[in-house]
Amino acid sequence: PELVIDAATLTGAAVVAIGTKASCMMGNAKRKVLDQLIDSGNDVHERLVQLPFWDEYYDEMKSAIADLKNVGGKYAGMITAGKFLEHFVKSPYVHLDIAGPSFLESPQDYKGKGGTGVGVRLLLNFLENM
């Protein structure tokens, strides 16, 4: 594929870091793609906060037993989760950690209580504007 984008709630670290107002985004795709995703998020009010995605985050998953651990250390959990997934993707890759806004305890903006479907509007806008 030319691009792989996943939207998942892999860790609670994203909620701790930025709350429920936005999703975390990280990836190795070209700057233009990341900027287009941020623009789409702003257009549909499903905002994204870009996090670093440096290869040094792989160090957290080194193992004396396995090829790769599926859990990093106690810091930057959403980034190490994204780096874990990146290991298995051979195409340009973007990870959207939607844990914060994916399920709400009370209505927020246009989103109701419960599951919000966050990411659907963002990705539709992104694909329509590619």
C-alpha atoms as a PDB file:
ATOM      1  CA  PRO A   1       0.000   0.000   0.000  1.00  0.00           C
ATOM      2  CA  GLU A   2       1.013   3.619  -0.521  1.00  0.00           C
ATOM      3  CA  LEU A   3       0.022   4.494   3.059  1.00  0.00           C
ATOM      4  CA  VAL A   4      -1.168   2.635   6.166  1.00  0.00           C
ATOM      5  CA  ILE A   5      -3.192   4.509   8.804  1.00  0.00           C
ATOM      6  CA  ASP A   6      -4.485   2.841  11.928  1.00  0.00           C
ATOM      7  CA  ALA A   7      -6.822   4.360  14.507  1.00  0.00           C
ATOM      8  CA  ALA A   8      -6.770   2.495  17.803  1.00  0.00           C
ATOM      9  CA  THR A   9      -7.076   2.796  21.561  1.00  0.00           C
ATOM     10  CA  LEU A  10      -3.888   0.924  22.407  1.00  0.00           C
ATOM     11  CA  THR A  11      -3.041   2.583  25.708  1.00  0.00           C
ATOM     12  CA  GLY A  12      -4.490   4.956  28.244  1.00  0.00           C
ATOM     13  CA  ALA A  13      -1.325   7.057  27.952  1.00  0.00           C
ATOM     14  CA  ALA A  14      -2.871   9.322  25.315  1.00  0.00           C
ATOM     15  CA  VAL A  15      -5.755  10.220  27.641  1.00  0.00           C
ATOM     16  CA  VAL A  16      -3.295  11.075  30.409  1.00  0.00           C
ATOM     17  CA  ALA A  17      -1.169  13.161  28.020  1.00  0.00           C
ATOM     18  CA  ILE A  18      -3.804  15.239  26.222  1.00  0.00           C
ATOM     19  CA  GLY A  19      -7.232  14.331  27.600  1.00  0.00           C
ATOM     20  CA  THR A  20     -10.384  13.849  25.547  1.00  0.00           C
ATOM     21  CA  LYS A  21     -10.213  16.923  23.296  1.00  0.00           C
ATOM     22  CA  ALA A  22      -7.928  15.405  20.621  1.00  0.00           C
ATOM     23  CA  SER A  23      -6.225  12.237  19.407  1.00  0.00           C
ATOM     24  CA  CYS A  24      -2.473  11.641  19.327  1.00  0.00           C
ATOM     25  CA  MET A  25      -0.853  11.197  15.924  1.00  0.00           C
ATOM     26  CA  MET A  26       2.577   9.813  15.096  1.00  0.00           C
ATOM     27  CA  GLY A  27       4.165   8.177  12.107  1.00  0.00           C
ATOM     28  CA  ASN A  28       6.887   7.894   9.525  1.00  0.00           C
ATOM     29  CA  ALA A  29       4.820   9.146   6.579  1.00  0.00           C
ATOM     30  CA  LYS A  30       5.939  12.240   4.686  1.00  0.00           C
ATOM     31  CA  ARG A  31       5.455  15.626   6.330  1.00  0.00           C
ATOM     32  CA  LYS A  32       2.814  16.511   3.696  1.00  0.00           C
ATOM     33  CA  VAL A  33       0.658  13.536   4.710  1.00  0.00           C
ATOM     34  CA  LEU A  34       0.933  14.346   8.421  1.00  0.00           C
ATOM     35  CA  ASP A  35       0.057  17.993   7.747  1.00  0.00           C
ATOM     36  CA  GLN A  36      -2.944  16.951   5.620  1.00  0.00           C
ATOM     37  CA  LEU A  37      -4.204  14.746   8.459  1.00  0.00           C
ATOM     38  CA  ILE A  38      -3.845  17.623  10.934  1.00  0.00           C
ATOM     39  CA  ASP A  39      -5.716  19.920   8.520  1.00  0.00           C
ATOM     40  CA  SER A  40      -8.505  17.358   8.108  1.00  0.00           C
ATOM     41  CA  GLY A  41      -8.757  16.998  11.874  1.00  0.00           C
ATOM     42  CA  ASN A  42      -9.124  20.751  12.233  1.00  0.00           C
ATOM     43  CA  ASP A  43     -11.710  20.890   9.408  1.00  0.00           C
ATOM     44  CA  VAL A  44     -14.020  18.351  11.093  1.00  0.00           C
ATOM     45  CA  HIS A  45     -13.165  19.189  14.722  1.00  0.00           C
ATOM     46  CA  GLU A  46     -11.403  15.887  15.338  1.00  0.00           C
ATOM     47  CA  ARG A  47      -8.116  17.507  16.219  1.00  0.00           C
ATOM     48  CA  LEU A  48      -4.740  15.774  16.270  1.00  0.00           C
ATOM     49  CA  VAL A  49      -1.661  16.377  18.399  1.00  0.00           C
ATOM     50  CA  GLN A  50       1.506  15.183  16.692  1.00  0.00           C
ATOM     51  CA  LEU A  51       3.996  13.341  18.874  1.00  0.00           C
ATOM     52  CA  PRO A  52       7.620  12.480  18.079  1.00  0.00           C
ATOM     53  CA  PHE A  53       8.272   9.115  16.477  1.00  0.00           C
ATOM     54  CA  TRP A  54      12.034   8.775  16.811  1.00  0.00           C
ATOM     55  CA  ASP A  55      13.674   5.368  16.439  1.00  0.00           C
ATOM     56  CA  GLU A  56      15.083   5.692  19.965  1.00  0.00           C
ATOM     57  CA  TYR A  57      11.626   4.704  21.218  1.00  0.00           C
ATOM     58  CA  TYR A  58      12.364   1.175  19.945  1.00  0.00           C
ATOM     59  CA  ASP A  59      14.932   0.904  22.765  1.00  0.00           C
ATOM     60  CA  GLU A  60      12.020   0.569  25.212  1.00  0.00           C
ATOM     61  CA  MET A  61      10.995  -2.686  23.526  1.00  0.00           C
ATOM     62  CA  LYS A  62      14.332  -4.484  23.466  1.00  0.00           C
ATOM     63  CA  SER A  63      14.215  -7.889  25.115  1.00  0.00           C
ATOM     64  CA  ALA A  64      16.767 -10.411  26.313  1.00  0.00           C
ATOM     65  CA  ILE A  65      14.305 -13.190  25.444  1.00  0.00           C
ATOM     66  CA  ALA A  66      12.135 -12.127  22.505  1.00  0.00           C
ATOM     67  CA  ASP A  67      12.859 -10.325  19.252  1.00  0.00           C
ATOM     68  CA  LEU A  68      10.682  -7.480  20.464  1.00  0.00           C
ATOM     69  CA  LYS A  69       8.550  -6.789  23.563  1.00  0.00           C
ATOM     70  CA  ASN A  70       5.028  -5.551  22.953  1.00  0.00           C
ATOM     71  CA  VAL A  71       5.210  -3.166  25.934  1.00  0.00           C
ATOM     72  CA  GLY A  72       7.729  -0.389  26.438  1.00  0.00           C
ATOM     73  CA  GLY A  73       8.691   1.236  29.709  1.00  0.00           C
ATOM     74  CA  LYS A  74       6.458   3.352  31.909  1.00  0.00           C
ATOM     75  CA  TYR A  75       6.949   6.504  29.807  1.00  0.00           C
ATOM     76  CA  ALA A  76       5.596   7.479  26.366  1.00  0.00           C
ATOM     77  CA  GLY A  77       3.322   4.443  26.169  1.00  0.00           C
ATOM     78  CA  MET A  78       1.356   5.709  23.192  1.00  0.00           C
ATOM     79  CA  ILE A  79       4.551   6.294  21.211  1.00  0.00           C
ATOM     80  CA  THR A  80       6.084   2.918  22.005  1.00  0.00           C
ATOM     81  CA  ALA A  81       2.756   1.265  21.091  1.00  0.00           C
ATOM     82  CA  GLY A  82       2.877   3.050  17.743  1.00  0.00           C
ATOM     83  CA  LYS A  83       6.521   2.034  17.246  1.00  0.00           C
ATOM     84  CA  PHE A  84       5.594  -1.577  17.998  1.00  0.00           C
ATOM     85  CA  LEU A  85       2.967  -1.525  15.238  1.00  0.00           C
ATOM     86  CA  GLU A  86       5.322   0.307  12.857  1.00  0.00           C
ATOM     87  CA  HIS A  87       7.712  -2.647  13.141  1.00  0.00           C
ATOM     88  CA  PHE A  88       5.207  -4.782  11.181  1.00  0.00           C
ATOM     89  CA  VAL A  89       4.347  -2.212   8.489  1.00  0.00           C
ATOM     90  CA  LYS A  90       6.626  -1.889   5.484  1.00  0.00           C
ATOM     91  CA  SER A  91       4.818   1.124   3.973  1.00  0.00           C
ATOM     92  CA  PRO A  92       4.604   4.743   5.105  1.00  0.00           C
ATOM     93  CA  TYR A  93       2.672   4.555   8.368  1.00  0.00           C
ATOM     94  CA  VAL A  94       0.565   6.751  10.652  1.00  0.00           C
ATOM     95  CA  HIS A  95      -0.803   5.730  14.047  1.00  0.00           C
ATOM     96  CA  LEU A  96      -3.760   7.630  15.498  1.00  0.00           C
ATOM     97  CA  ASP A  97      -4.243   6.947  19.204  1.00  0.00           C
ATOM     98  CA  ILE A  98      -7.921   7.802  19.631  1.00  0.00           C
ATOM     99  CA  ALA A  99      -8.213   6.685  23.272  1.00  0.00           C
ATOM    100  CA  GLY A 100      -9.139  10.131  24.605  1.00  0.00           C
ATOM    101  CA  PRO A 101     -12.092  11.130  22.441  1.00  0.00           C
ATOM    102  CA  SER A 102     -13.282   7.634  21.458  1.00  0.00           C
ATOM    103  CA  PHE A 103     -15.572   7.123  24.457  1.00  0.00           C
ATOM    104  CA  LEU A 104     -16.950   9.991  26.544  1.00  0.00           C
ATOM    105  CA  GLU A 105     -18.523   9.978  29.997  1.00  0.00           C
ATOM    106  CA  SER A 106     -20.654  13.016  29.070  1.00  0.00           C
ATOM    107  CA  PRO A 107     -21.546  14.897  25.858  1.00  0.00           C
ATOM    108  CA  GLN A 108     -18.795  17.119  24.444  1.00  0.00           C
ATOM    109  CA  ASP A 109     -19.129  19.482  21.486  1.00  0.00           C
ATOM    110  CA  TYR A 110     -21.144  17.621  18.825  1.00  0.00           C
ATOM    111  CA  LYS A 111     -20.251  14.228  20.330  1.00  0.00           C
ATOM    112  CA  GLY A 112     -22.666  12.467  22.631  1.00  0.00           C
ATOM    113  CA  LYS A 113     -22.054  10.320  25.679  1.00  0.00           C
ATOM    114  CA  GLY A 114     -20.504   6.910  24.960  1.00  0.00           C
ATOM    115  CA  GLY A 115     -18.797   5.774  21.763  1.00  0.00           C
ATOM    116  CA  THR A 116     -18.121   8.701  19.441  1.00  0.00           C
ATOM    117  CA  GLY A 117     -16.864   7.174  16.189  1.00  0.00           C
ATOM    118  CA  VAL A 118     -13.938   9.580  16.335  1.00  0.00           C
ATOM    119  CA  GLY A 119     -11.637   9.249  13.355  1.00  0.00           C
ATOM    120  CA  VAL A 120     -14.320   8.411  10.797  1.00  0.00           C
ATOM    121  CA  ARG A 121     -15.008  12.053   9.848  1.00  0.00           C
ATOM    122  CA  LEU A 122     -11.291  12.861   9.949  1.00  0.00           C
ATOM    123  CA  LEU A 123     -10.275   9.992   7.641  1.00  0.00           C
ATOM    124  CA  LEU A 124     -13.166  10.638   5.249  1.00  0.00           C
ATOM    125  CA  ASN A 125     -12.138  14.303   4.966  1.00  0.00           C
ATOM    126  CA  PHE A 126      -8.488  13.288   4.506  1.00  0.00           C
ATOM    127  CA  LEU A 127      -9.304  10.820   1.716  1.00  0.00           C
ATOM    128  CA  GLU A 128     -11.653  13.253  -0.049  1.00  0.00           C
ATOM    129  CA  ASN A 129      -8.921  15.930  -0.050  1.00  0.00           C
ATOM    130  CA  MET A 130      -5.939  13.760  -1.052  1.00  0.00           C
END
